[in-house]
Amino acid sequence: MAATGSKRVIYAALIGNGLIAVSKFAAAAFTGSSAMLSEGVHSVVDCGNQGLILFGMKRAQRPPDVKHPFGYGMELYFWTFIVAIVIFAVGAGVSIYEGIERVRHPHAMEAPYVNYIVLALAMVFEGYAWSVAYKEFNKTRGDRGWIAAVRHSKDPTVFTVLFEDTAAMLGLFIAFVGVVGVHIFEIAVLDGVASIAIGVVLALTAILLSIESKALLIGEGADQGVVDAVHKAFDGDDRVIRVNEVLTLHFGPEDFLLAASLDFKDSLSASDVEAAITEFETKIKASQPSVGRIFIEAQNWRASLAASGERERDTDQ
């Protein structure tokens, strides 16, 4: 996904959450609603998270240097993981704590109609931000389901905002139920229960984000479709006896490394092998523009198999 599309999603969410946070805190101060206070904290956390993602995107764009020859693309994954921690520690923690306190010490809600107005406006703002994130996410989803698309995605910026906005919509619904429970049914404890429920939603969101961010942070390979396309480029060449190994590693959403081991025909000269490797690199870069580095090794298949066995034994130890 292009960086411009990702930034458009983040800016839309940032503006929406900023407006929502102000209105929620004003409503919480005016009505004394714990659920609205939790929602205000939720929106502030989301604003901070979008700032962290933008910061991570900027840092990830730095060019390679001596200490980081493959660039800084993976820093985006680090800041996405930090976002998950912030959601869990601050958003979920504050919401659950505030909810428990309100359950222990419930009190009547003043001017509940203020909460209704603020929640309605928040749903409009949040719904718009969610629709922007969903459209961008849908561009790369293809025929995959939501879970499969997230697991295959190498760009955490959009699915992070989509997760946040989805959690926000759920939080607004829970807050609405809590306000109705206190206002209509006069069950004051439901305000605290709603706050706890919002905290649980945020905690689950943080866990899902941390799982996906961790997978990207420790190193994920390219999609199988990309690997298959690379294999096809090698398999169709009569100079190659066997493709020993194809390895890929993402350093960013639009940047991955490709390493391949090929068994060339023994009749080829060194210059012939060099020419073949150059052709392969040109062909692969033309079909896969996201590949940043290509390393192709000429290796007998038996030697490659032995080396793979050595690596497996080292891993087991």
C-alpha atoms as a PDB file:
ATOM      1  CA  MET A   1       0.000   0.000   0.000  1.00  0.00           C
ATOM      2  CA  ALA A   2       1.364   3.409  -0.899  1.00  0.00           C
ATOM      3  CA  ALA A   3       2.535   5.688   1.893  1.00  0.00           C
ATOM      4  CA  THR A   4       0.151   8.413   0.719  1.00  0.00           C
ATOM      5  CA  GLY A   5      -2.825   6.124   1.238  1.00  0.00           C
ATOM      6  CA  SER A   6      -1.594   5.146   4.680  1.00  0.00           C
ATOM      7  CA  LYS A   7      -1.071   8.756   5.718  1.00  0.00           C
ATOM      8  CA  ARG A   8      -4.517   9.748   4.486  1.00  0.00           C
ATOM      9  CA  VAL A   9      -6.032   7.097   6.754  1.00  0.00           C
ATOM     10  CA  ILE A  10      -3.975   8.225   9.750  1.00  0.00           C
ATOM     11  CA  TYR A  11      -4.691  11.945   9.298  1.00  0.00           C
ATOM     12  CA  ALA A  12      -8.420  11.253   8.958  1.00  0.00           C
ATOM     13  CA  ALA A  13      -8.367   9.239  12.176  1.00  0.00           C
ATOM     14  CA  LEU A  14      -6.219  11.827  13.981  1.00  0.00           C
ATOM     15  CA  ILE A  15      -8.541  14.729  13.164  1.00  0.00           C
ATOM     16  CA  GLY A  16     -11.633  12.713  14.020  1.00  0.00           C
ATOM     17  CA  ASN A  17     -10.261  11.453  17.334  1.00  0.00           C
ATOM     18  CA  GLY A  18      -9.100  14.933  18.326  1.00  0.00           C
ATOM     19  CA  LEU A  19     -12.578  16.386  17.860  1.00  0.00           C
ATOM     20  CA  ILE A  20     -14.181  13.414  19.580  1.00  0.00           C
ATOM     21  CA  ALA A  21     -11.850  13.540  22.588  1.00  0.00           C
ATOM     22  CA  VAL A  22     -12.709  17.173  23.357  1.00  0.00           C
ATOM     23  CA  SER A  23     -16.451  16.510  23.175  1.00  0.00           C
ATOM     24  CA  LYS A  24     -16.234  13.350  25.304  1.00  0.00           C
ATOM     25  CA  PHE A  25     -14.264  15.008  28.093  1.00  0.00           C
ATOM     26  CA  ALA A  26     -16.670  17.934  28.101  1.00  0.00           C
ATOM     27  CA  ALA A  27     -19.612  15.542  28.386  1.00  0.00           C
ATOM     28  CA  ALA A  28     -17.891  13.522  31.132  1.00  0.00           C
ATOM     29  CA  ALA A  29     -17.203  16.683  33.147  1.00  0.00           C
ATOM     30  CA  PHE A  30     -20.769  17.920  32.711  1.00  0.00           C
ATOM     31  CA  THR A  31     -22.603  14.640  33.402  1.00  0.00           C
ATOM     32  CA  GLY A  32     -20.143  12.752  35.629  1.00  0.00           C
ATOM     33  CA  SER A  33     -20.299   9.666  33.406  1.00  0.00           C
ATOM     34  CA  SER A  34     -17.508   7.134  33.919  1.00  0.00           C
ATOM     35  CA  ALA A  35     -18.170   5.531  30.531  1.00  0.00           C
ATOM     36  CA  MET A  36     -17.791   8.899  28.791  1.00  0.00           C
ATOM     37  CA  LEU A  37     -14.548   9.566  30.672  1.00  0.00           C
ATOM     38  CA  SER A  38     -13.225   6.181  29.536  1.00  0.00           C
ATOM     39  CA  GLU A  39     -14.236   7.006  25.975  1.00  0.00           C
ATOM     40  CA  GLY A  40     -12.401  10.331  26.254  1.00  0.00           C
ATOM     41  CA  VAL A  41      -9.253   8.550  27.411  1.00  0.00           C
ATOM     42  CA  HIS A  42      -9.745   6.093  24.556  1.00  0.00           C
ATOM     43  CA  SER A  43      -9.813   8.917  21.985  1.00  0.00           C
ATOM     44  CA  VAL A  44      -6.731  10.608  23.482  1.00  0.00           C
ATOM     45  CA  VAL A  45      -4.859   7.293  23.347  1.00  0.00           C
ATOM     46  CA  ASP A  46      -5.893   6.876  19.721  1.00  0.00           C
ATOM     47  CA  CYS A  47      -4.588  10.377  18.903  1.00  0.00           C
ATOM     48  CA  GLY A  48      -1.278   9.555  20.544  1.00  0.00           C
ATOM     49  CA  ASN A  49      -1.097   6.278  18.672  1.00  0.00           C
ATOM     50  CA  GLN A  50      -1.649   7.955  15.324  1.00  0.00           C
ATOM     51  CA  GLY A  51       1.153  10.371  16.200  1.00  0.00           C
ATOM     52  CA  LEU A  52       3.437   7.432  16.996  1.00  0.00           C
ATOM     53  CA  ILE A  53       2.604   5.745  13.684  1.00  0.00           C
ATOM     54  CA  LEU A  54       3.352   8.942  11.734  1.00  0.00           C
ATOM     55  CA  PHE A  55       6.633   9.260  13.644  1.00  0.00           C
ATOM     56  CA  GLY A  56       7.455   5.636  12.832  1.00  0.00           C
ATOM     57  CA  MET A  57       6.692   6.189   9.141  1.00  0.00           C
ATOM     58  CA  LYS A  58       9.050   9.156   9.033  1.00  0.00           C
ATOM     59  CA  ARG A  59      11.836   7.273  10.810  1.00  0.00           C
ATOM     60  CA  ALA A  60      11.396   4.260   8.541  1.00  0.00           C
ATOM     61  CA  GLN A  61      12.018   6.393   5.439  1.00  0.00           C
ATOM     62  CA  ARG A  62      15.632   7.156   6.376  1.00  0.00           C
ATOM     63  CA  PRO A  63      18.132   5.890   3.789  1.00  0.00           C
ATOM     64  CA  PRO A  64      20.523   2.993   4.504  1.00  0.00           C
ATOM     65  CA  ASP A  65      23.825   3.757   6.200  1.00  0.00           C
ATOM     66  CA  VAL A  66      26.872   1.859   7.437  1.00  0.00           C
ATOM     67  CA  LYS A  67      25.216   0.641  10.644  1.00  0.00           C
ATOM     68  CA  HIS A  68      21.910  -0.196   8.947  1.00  0.00           C
ATOM     69  CA  PRO A  69      22.785  -1.288   5.389  1.00  0.00           C
ATOM     70  CA  PHE A  70      19.228  -2.493   4.726  1.00  0.00           C
ATOM     71  CA  GLY A  71      17.651   0.749   5.869  1.00  0.00           C
ATOM     72  CA  TYR A  72      15.277   1.551   8.729  1.00  0.00           C
ATOM     73  CA  GLY A  73      12.015   0.180   7.354  1.00  0.00           C
ATOM     74  CA  MET A  74      11.472  -2.219  10.263  1.00  0.00           C
ATOM     75  CA  GLU A  75      11.315   0.716  12.683  1.00  0.00           C
ATOM     76  CA  LEU A  76       7.709   1.152  11.570  1.00  0.00           C
ATOM     77  CA  TYR A  77       6.970  -2.287  12.993  1.00  0.00           C
ATOM     78  CA  PHE A  78       8.596  -1.308  16.289  1.00  0.00           C
ATOM     79  CA  TRP A  79       6.416   1.769  16.723  1.00  0.00           C
ATOM     80  CA  THR A  80       3.328  -0.238  15.837  1.00  0.00           C
ATOM     81  CA  PHE A  81       4.219  -2.601  18.677  1.00  0.00           C
ATOM     82  CA  ILE A  82       4.585   0.404  20.992  1.00  0.00           C
ATOM     83  CA  VAL A  83       1.077   1.480  19.946  1.00  0.00           C
ATOM     84  CA  ALA A  84      -0.257  -1.898  21.095  1.00  0.00           C
ATOM     85  CA  ILE A  85       1.461  -1.446  24.472  1.00  0.00           C
ATOM     86  CA  VAL A  86       0.019   2.056  24.894  1.00  0.00           C
ATOM     87  CA  ILE A  87      -3.500   0.856  24.098  1.00  0.00           C
ATOM     88  CA  PHE A  88      -3.197  -1.928  26.652  1.00  0.00           C
ATOM     89  CA  ALA A  89      -1.439  -0.020  29.439  1.00  0.00           C
ATOM     90  CA  VAL A  90      -3.106   3.380  29.176  1.00  0.00           C
ATOM     91  CA  GLY A  91      -6.400   2.902  27.339  1.00  0.00           C
ATOM     92  CA  ALA A  92      -7.468  -0.422  28.823  1.00  0.00           C
ATOM     93  CA  GLY A  93      -5.830   0.198  32.202  1.00  0.00           C
ATOM     94  CA  VAL A  94      -7.450   3.579  32.856  1.00  0.00           C
ATOM     95  CA  SER A  95     -10.852   2.441  31.576  1.00  0.00           C
ATOM     96  CA  ILE A  96     -10.951  -0.681  33.724  1.00  0.00           C
ATOM     97  CA  TYR A  97      -9.681   1.162  36.807  1.00  0.00           C
ATOM     98  CA  GLU A  98     -12.230   3.949  36.394  1.00  0.00           C
ATOM     99  CA  GLY A  99     -14.985   1.391  35.830  1.00  0.00           C
ATOM    100  CA  ILE A 100     -14.129  -0.554  38.972  1.00  0.00           C
ATOM    101  CA  GLU A 101     -14.156   2.654  41.027  1.00  0.00           C
ATOM    102  CA  ARG A 102     -17.557   3.600  39.632  1.00  0.00           C
ATOM    103  CA  VAL A 103     -18.964   0.128  40.315  1.00  0.00           C
ATOM    104  CA  ARG A 104     -17.769   0.419  43.910  1.00  0.00           C
ATOM    105  CA  HIS A 105     -19.133   3.959  44.276  1.00  0.00           C
ATOM    106  CA  PRO A 106     -22.036   4.407  41.820  1.00  0.00           C
ATOM    107  CA  HIS A 107     -23.925   7.667  41.558  1.00  0.00           C
ATOM    108  CA  ALA A 108     -26.650   9.172  39.422  1.00  0.00           C
ATOM    109  CA  MET A 109     -25.844  10.712  36.042  1.00  0.00           C
ATOM    110  CA  GLU A 110     -26.595  14.376  35.423  1.00  0.00           C
ATOM    111  CA  ALA A 111     -27.937  15.705  32.088  1.00  0.00           C
ATOM    112  CA  PRO A 112     -27.725  12.369  30.228  1.00  0.00           C
ATOM    113  CA  TYR A 113     -28.935  13.995  27.008  1.00  0.00           C
ATOM    114  CA  VAL A 114     -25.532  15.654  26.695  1.00  0.00           C
ATOM    115  CA  ASN A 115     -24.014  12.186  26.493  1.00  0.00           C
ATOM    116  CA  TYR A 116     -26.486  11.173  23.798  1.00  0.00           C
ATOM    117  CA  ILE A 117     -25.558  14.184  21.673  1.00  0.00           C
ATOM    118  CA  VAL A 118     -21.827  13.638  22.098  1.00  0.00           C
ATOM    119  CA  LEU A 119     -22.102   9.915  21.366  1.00  0.00           C
ATOM    120  CA  ALA A 120     -24.098  10.626  18.201  1.00  0.00           C
ATOM    121  CA  LEU A 121     -21.485  13.126  16.981  1.00  0.00           C
ATOM    122  CA  ALA A 122     -18.686  10.718  17.891  1.00  0.00           C
ATOM    123  CA  MET A 123     -20.325   7.944  15.879  1.00  0.00           C
ATOM    124  CA  VAL A 124     -20.459  10.235  12.839  1.00  0.00           C
ATOM    125  CA  PHE A 125     -16.776  11.261  13.136  1.00  0.00           C
ATOM    126  CA  GLU A 126     -15.601   7.746  13.994  1.00  0.00           C
ATOM    127  CA  GLY A 127     -17.719   6.214  11.255  1.00  0.00           C
ATOM    128  CA  TYR A 128     -16.100   8.473   8.664  1.00  0.00           C
ATOM    129  CA  ALA A 129     -12.580   7.636   9.889  1.00  0.00           C
ATOM    130  CA  TRP A 130     -13.448   3.929   9.890  1.00  0.00           C
ATOM    131  CA  SER A 131     -14.784   4.099   6.319  1.00  0.00           C
ATOM    132  CA  VAL A 132     -11.551   5.740   5.097  1.00  0.00           C
ATOM    133  CA  ALA A 133      -9.438   3.059   6.791  1.00  0.00           C
ATOM    134  CA  TYR A 134     -11.671   0.280   5.492  1.00  0.00           C
ATOM    135  CA  LYS A 135     -11.471   1.509   1.882  1.00  0.00           C
ATOM    136  CA  GLU A 136      -7.668   1.619   1.998  1.00  0.00           C
ATOM    137  CA  PHE A 137      -7.514  -1.796   3.661  1.00  0.00           C
ATOM    138  CA  ASN A 138      -9.901  -3.220   1.073  1.00  0.00           C
ATOM    139  CA  LYS A 139      -7.626  -2.170  -1.806  1.00  0.00           C
ATOM    140  CA  THR A 140      -5.093  -4.858  -0.867  1.00  0.00           C
ATOM    141  CA  ARG A 141      -7.451  -7.393   0.712  1.00  0.00           C
ATOM    142  CA  GLY A 142      -8.466  -9.056  -2.550  1.00  0.00           C
ATOM    143  CA  ASP A 143     -10.534 -12.188  -2.027  1.00  0.00           C
ATOM    144  CA  ARG A 144      -9.126 -12.836   1.448  1.00  0.00           C
ATOM    145  CA  GLY A 145     -11.205 -12.605   4.588  1.00  0.00           C
ATOM    146  CA  TRP A 146     -10.439  -9.988   7.226  1.00  0.00           C
ATOM    147  CA  ILE A 147      -8.250 -12.192   9.408  1.00  0.00           C
ATOM    148  CA  ALA A 148      -6.330 -13.649   6.461  1.00  0.00           C
ATOM    149  CA  ALA A 149      -5.820 -10.173   4.980  1.00  0.00           C
ATOM    150  CA  VAL A 150      -4.398  -8.824   8.245  1.00  0.00           C
ATOM    151  CA  ARG A 151      -2.096 -11.823   8.607  1.00  0.00           C
ATOM    152  CA  HIS A 152      -0.835 -11.359   5.023  1.00  0.00           C
ATOM    153  CA  SER A 153      -0.479  -7.581   5.255  1.00  0.00           C
ATOM    154  CA  LYS A 154       3.025  -6.156   5.604  1.00  0.00           C
ATOM    155  CA  ASP A 155       1.762  -2.590   6.156  1.00  0.00           C
ATOM    156  CA  PRO A 156       0.679  -2.227   9.813  1.00  0.00           C
ATOM    157  CA  THR A 157      -0.370   1.415   9.512  1.00  0.00           C
ATOM    158  CA  VAL A 158      -3.776   0.860   7.933  1.00  0.00           C
ATOM    159  CA  PHE A 159      -4.843  -2.263   9.816  1.00  0.00           C
ATOM    160  CA  THR A 160      -3.745  -0.640  13.089  1.00  0.00           C
ATOM    161  CA  VAL A 161      -6.017   2.351  12.459  1.00  0.00           C
ATOM    162  CA  LEU A 162      -8.777   0.001  11.274  1.00  0.00           C
ATOM    163  CA  PHE A 163      -8.480  -2.025  14.500  1.00  0.00           C
ATOM    164  CA  GLU A 164      -8.516   1.164  16.587  1.00  0.00           C
ATOM    165  CA  ASP A 165     -11.541   2.587  14.788  1.00  0.00           C
ATOM    166  CA  THR A 166     -13.409  -0.708  15.054  1.00  0.00           C
ATOM    167  CA  ALA A 167     -12.681  -0.798  18.795  1.00  0.00           C
ATOM    168  CA  ALA A 168     -13.822   2.831  19.005  1.00  0.00           C
ATOM    169  CA  MET A 169     -17.152   2.028  17.342  1.00  0.00           C
ATOM    170  CA  LEU A 170     -17.681  -0.863  19.754  1.00  0.00           C
ATOM    171  CA  GLY A 171     -16.722   1.408  22.650  1.00  0.00           C
ATOM    172  CA  LEU A 172     -19.275   4.016  21.594  1.00  0.00           C
ATOM    173  CA  PHE A 173     -21.995   1.387  21.437  1.00  0.00           C
ATOM    174  CA  ILE A 174     -21.056   0.111  24.913  1.00  0.00           C
ATOM    175  CA  ALA A 175     -21.010   3.665  26.284  1.00  0.00           C
ATOM    176  CA  PHE A 176     -24.462   4.269  24.777  1.00  0.00           C
ATOM    177  CA  VAL A 177     -25.806   1.116  26.447  1.00  0.00           C
ATOM    178  CA  GLY A 178     -24.313   2.256  29.759  1.00  0.00           C
ATOM    179  CA  VAL A 179     -25.848   5.717  29.496  1.00  0.00           C
ATOM    180  CA  VAL A 180     -29.242   4.235  28.625  1.00  0.00           C
ATOM    181  CA  GLY A 181     -28.981   1.832  31.554  1.00  0.00           C
ATOM    182  CA  VAL A 182     -28.320   4.662  34.000  1.00  0.00           C
ATOM    183  CA  HIS A 183     -30.803   7.112  32.483  1.00  0.00           C
ATOM    184  CA  ILE A 184     -33.771   4.887  31.588  1.00  0.00           C
ATOM    185  CA  PHE A 185     -33.454   2.004  34.039  1.00  0.00           C
ATOM    186  CA  GLU A 186     -31.751   4.019  36.811  1.00  0.00           C
ATOM    187  CA  ILE A 187     -29.107   1.342  37.406  1.00  0.00           C
ATOM    188  CA  ALA A 188     -26.144   3.564  38.291  1.00  0.00           C
ATOM    189  CA  VAL A 189     -23.677   0.688  38.437  1.00  0.00           C
ATOM    190  CA  LEU A 190     -24.067   0.090  34.680  1.00  0.00           C
ATOM    191  CA  ASP A 191     -21.983   3.206  34.003  1.00  0.00           C
ATOM    192  CA  GLY A 192     -18.996   1.537  35.652  1.00  0.00           C
ATOM    193  CA  VAL A 193     -19.744  -1.788  33.979  1.00  0.00           C
ATOM    194  CA  ALA A 194     -19.718  -0.055  30.584  1.00  0.00           C
ATOM    195  CA  SER A 195     -16.345   1.501  31.402  1.00  0.00           C
ATOM    196  CA  ILE A 196     -14.920  -1.908  32.293  1.00  0.00           C
ATOM    197  CA  ALA A 197     -16.332  -3.388  29.079  1.00  0.00           C
ATOM    198  CA  ILE A 198     -14.670  -0.620  27.049  1.00  0.00           C
ATOM    199  CA  GLY A 199     -11.387  -1.448  28.774  1.00  0.00           C
ATOM    200  CA  VAL A 200     -11.778  -5.117  27.862  1.00  0.00           C
ATOM    201  CA  VAL A 201     -12.389  -4.195  24.191  1.00  0.00           C
ATOM    202  CA  LEU A 202      -9.218  -2.075  24.216  1.00  0.00           C
ATOM    203  CA  ALA A 203      -7.224  -4.860  25.858  1.00  0.00           C
ATOM    204  CA  LEU A 204      -8.323  -7.380  23.217  1.00  0.00           C
ATOM    205  CA  THR A 205      -7.481  -4.873  20.457  1.00  0.00           C
ATOM    206  CA  ALA A 206      -4.025  -4.354  21.954  1.00  0.00           C
ATOM    207  CA  ILE A 207      -3.413  -8.114  22.120  1.00  0.00           C
ATOM    208  CA  LEU A 208      -4.380  -8.595  18.454  1.00  0.00           C
ATOM    209  CA  LEU A 209      -2.162  -5.698  17.370  1.00  0.00           C
ATOM    210  CA  SER A 210       0.778  -6.947  19.434  1.00  0.00           C
ATOM    211  CA  ILE A 211       0.532 -10.411  17.863  1.00  0.00           C
ATOM    212  CA  GLU A 212       0.584  -9.006  14.314  1.00  0.00           C
ATOM    213  CA  SER A 213       3.279  -6.443  15.122  1.00  0.00           C
ATOM    214  CA  LYS A 214       5.483  -9.079  16.725  1.00  0.00           C
ATOM    215  CA  ALA A 215       5.270 -11.281  13.627  1.00  0.00           C
ATOM    216  CA  LEU A 216       6.417  -8.376  11.441  1.00  0.00           C
ATOM    217  CA  LEU A 217       9.056  -7.207  13.909  1.00  0.00           C
ATOM    218  CA  ILE A 218      10.870 -10.536  14.189  1.00  0.00           C
ATOM    219  CA  GLY A 219      10.860 -10.898  10.389  1.00  0.00           C
ATOM    220  CA  GLU A 220       8.225 -12.134   7.948  1.00  0.00           C
ATOM    221  CA  GLY A 221       8.821 -13.413   4.467  1.00  0.00           C
ATOM    222  CA  ALA A 222       7.062 -12.215   1.335  1.00  0.00           C
ATOM    223  CA  ASP A 223       3.661 -13.623   0.369  1.00  0.00           C
ATOM    224  CA  GLN A 224       3.647 -17.069  -1.195  1.00  0.00           C
ATOM    225  CA  GLY A 225       2.486 -15.560  -4.480  1.00  0.00           C
ATOM    226  CA  VAL A 226       5.688 -13.519  -4.667  1.00  0.00           C
ATOM    227  CA  VAL A 227       7.841 -16.548  -3.849  1.00  0.00           C
ATOM    228  CA  ASP A 228       6.035 -18.603  -6.482  1.00  0.00           C
ATOM    229  CA  ALA A 229       6.663 -15.875  -9.078  1.00  0.00           C
ATOM    230  CA  VAL A 230      10.380 -15.921  -8.267  1.00  0.00           C
ATOM    231  CA  HIS A 231      10.465 -19.725  -8.545  1.00  0.00           C
ATOM    232  CA  LYS A 232       8.773 -19.469 -11.918  1.00  0.00           C
ATOM    233  CA  ALA A 233      11.468 -17.098 -13.180  1.00  0.00           C
ATOM    234  CA  PHE A 234      14.140 -19.645 -12.254  1.00  0.00           C
ATOM    235  CA  ASP A 235      12.303 -22.841 -13.206  1.00  0.00           C
ATOM    236  CA  GLY A 236      11.705 -21.724 -16.770  1.00  0.00           C
ATOM    237  CA  ASP A 237      15.414 -21.266 -17.513  1.00  0.00           C
ATOM    238  CA  ASP A 238      17.333 -24.213 -19.016  1.00  0.00           C
ATOM    239  CA  ARG A 239      20.596 -22.990 -17.454  1.00  0.00           C
ATOM    240  CA  VAL A 240      19.300 -23.908 -14.006  1.00  0.00           C
ATOM    241  CA  ILE A 241      19.267 -27.573 -12.956  1.00  0.00           C
ATOM    242  CA  ARG A 242      17.533 -26.973  -9.625  1.00  0.00           C
ATOM    243  CA  VAL A 243      16.306 -24.165  -7.382  1.00  0.00           C
ATOM    244  CA  ASN A 244      17.832 -25.099  -4.046  1.00  0.00           C
ATOM    245  CA  GLU A 245      16.303 -22.390  -1.903  1.00  0.00           C
ATOM    246  CA  VAL A 246      14.421 -19.088  -2.084  1.00  0.00           C
ATOM    247  CA  LEU A 247      14.357 -16.943   1.056  1.00  0.00           C
ATOM    248  CA  THR A 248      12.662 -13.575   1.560  1.00  0.00           C
ATOM    249  CA  LEU A 249      12.499 -11.097   4.433  1.00  0.00           C
ATOM    250  CA  HIS A 250      10.474  -7.883   4.715  1.00  0.00           C
ATOM    251  CA  PHE A 251      12.310  -4.790   5.962  1.00  0.00           C
ATOM    252  CA  GLY A 252       9.240  -2.631   5.405  1.00  0.00           C
ATOM    253  CA  PRO A 253       5.802  -2.736   3.773  1.00  0.00           C
ATOM    254  CA  GLU A 254       7.267  -2.086   0.307  1.00  0.00           C
ATOM    255  CA  ASP A 255      10.798  -3.417   0.763  1.00  0.00           C
ATOM    256  CA  PHE A 256      11.977  -7.006   1.026  1.00  0.00           C
ATOM    257  CA  LEU A 257      15.224  -8.896   0.589  1.00  0.00           C
ATOM    258  CA  LEU A 258      15.476 -11.901  -1.694  1.00  0.00           C
ATOM    259  CA  ALA A 259      18.171 -14.579  -1.374  1.00  0.00           C
ATOM    260  CA  ALA A 260      18.255 -17.592  -3.680  1.00  0.00           C
ATOM    261  CA  SER A 261      20.510 -20.604  -4.127  1.00  0.00           C
ATOM    262  CA  LEU A 262      20.631 -22.077  -7.630  1.00  0.00           C
ATOM    263  CA  ASP A 263      22.343 -25.156  -9.049  1.00  0.00           C
ATOM    264  CA  PHE A 264      23.552 -24.176 -12.520  1.00  0.00           C
ATOM    265  CA  LYS A 265      24.622 -26.584 -15.239  1.00  0.00           C
ATOM    266  CA  ASP A 266      28.247 -27.654 -14.888  1.00  0.00           C
ATOM    267  CA  SER A 267      28.878 -26.855 -18.551  1.00  0.00           C
ATOM    268  CA  LEU A 268      28.371 -23.112 -17.932  1.00  0.00           C
ATOM    269  CA  SER A 269      31.427 -20.924 -17.559  1.00  0.00           C
ATOM    270  CA  ALA A 270      31.820 -18.413 -14.725  1.00  0.00           C
ATOM    271  CA  SER A 271      30.929 -15.569 -17.096  1.00  0.00           C
ATOM    272  CA  ASP A 272      27.814 -17.465 -18.224  1.00  0.00           C
ATOM    273  CA  VAL A 273      26.688 -17.854 -14.601  1.00  0.00           C
ATOM    274  CA  GLU A 274      27.327 -14.162 -13.940  1.00  0.00           C
ATOM    275  CA  ALA A 275      25.294 -13.216 -16.995  1.00  0.00           C
ATOM    276  CA  ALA A 276      22.444 -15.514 -15.916  1.00  0.00           C
ATOM    277  CA  ILE A 277      22.396 -13.998 -12.430  1.00  0.00           C
ATOM    278  CA  THR A 278      22.273 -10.492 -13.864  1.00  0.00           C
ATOM    279  CA  GLU A 279      19.355 -11.466 -16.113  1.00  0.00           C
ATOM    280  CA  PHE A 280      17.486 -13.015 -13.191  1.00  0.00           C
ATOM    281  CA  GLU A 281      17.956  -9.902 -11.051  1.00  0.00           C
ATOM    282  CA  THR A 282      16.694  -7.641 -13.849  1.00  0.00           C
ATOM    283  CA  LYS A 283      13.663  -9.836 -14.517  1.00  0.00           C
ATOM    284  CA  ILE A 284      12.727 -10.165 -10.831  1.00  0.00           C
ATOM    285  CA  LYS A 285      13.059  -6.448 -10.103  1.00  0.00           C
ATOM    286  CA  ALA A 286      10.871  -5.665 -13.096  1.00  0.00           C
ATOM    287  CA  SER A 287       8.081  -7.986 -11.896  1.00  0.00           C
ATOM    288  CA  GLN A 288       8.530  -7.380  -8.155  1.00  0.00           C
ATOM    289  CA  PRO A 289       9.291  -3.667  -7.586  1.00  0.00           C
ATOM    290  CA  SER A 290       9.213  -4.116  -3.797  1.00  0.00           C
ATOM    291  CA  VAL A 291      12.390  -6.198  -3.803  1.00  0.00           C
ATOM    292  CA  GLY A 292      15.175  -4.009  -2.443  1.00  0.00           C
ATOM    293  CA  ARG A 293      18.123  -6.400  -2.501  1.00  0.00           C
ATOM    294  CA  ILE A 294      18.718  -9.617  -4.435  1.00  0.00           C
ATOM    295  CA  PHE A 295      21.435 -12.135  -3.599  1.00  0.00           C
ATOM    296  CA  ILE A 296      21.732 -15.148  -5.895  1.00  0.00           C
ATOM    297  CA  GLU A 297      24.199 -17.887  -5.004  1.00  0.00           C
ATOM    298  CA  ALA A 298      25.509 -20.534  -7.397  1.00  0.00           C
ATOM    299  CA  GLN A 299      25.664 -23.760  -5.392  1.00  0.00           C
ATOM    300  CA  ASN A 300      25.586 -27.486  -6.046  1.00  0.00           C
ATOM    301  CA  TRP A 301      22.285 -28.922  -4.786  1.00  0.00           C
ATOM    302  CA  ARG A 302      24.038 -31.510  -2.591  1.00  0.00           C
ATOM    303  CA  ALA A 303      26.100 -28.795  -0.918  1.00  0.00           C
ATOM    304  CA  SER A 304      22.973 -26.701  -0.436  1.00  0.00           C
ATOM    305  CA  LEU A 305      21.154 -29.649   1.124  1.00  0.00           C
ATOM    306  CA  ALA A 306      24.066 -30.295   3.482  1.00  0.00           C
ATOM    307  CA  ALA A 307      24.190 -26.626   4.471  1.00  0.00           C
ATOM    308  CA  SER A 308      20.433 -26.660   5.156  1.00  0.00           C
ATOM    309  CA  GLY A 309      20.901 -29.701   7.393  1.00  0.00           C
ATOM    310  CA  GLU A 310      23.632 -27.908   9.322  1.00  0.00           C
ATOM    311  CA  ARG A 311      21.367 -24.886   9.858  1.00  0.00           C
ATOM    312  CA  GLU A 312      18.546 -27.111  11.098  1.00  0.00           C
ATOM    313  CA  ARG A 313      20.858 -28.829  13.607  1.00  0.00           C
ATOM    314  CA  ASP A 314      22.118 -25.452  14.833  1.00  0.00           C
ATOM    315  CA  THR A 315      18.518 -24.282  15.284  1.00  0.00           C
ATOM    316  CA  ASP A 316      17.576 -27.399  17.260  1.00  0.00           C
ATOM    317  CA  GLN A 317      20.515 -26.846  19.601  1.00  0.00           C
END
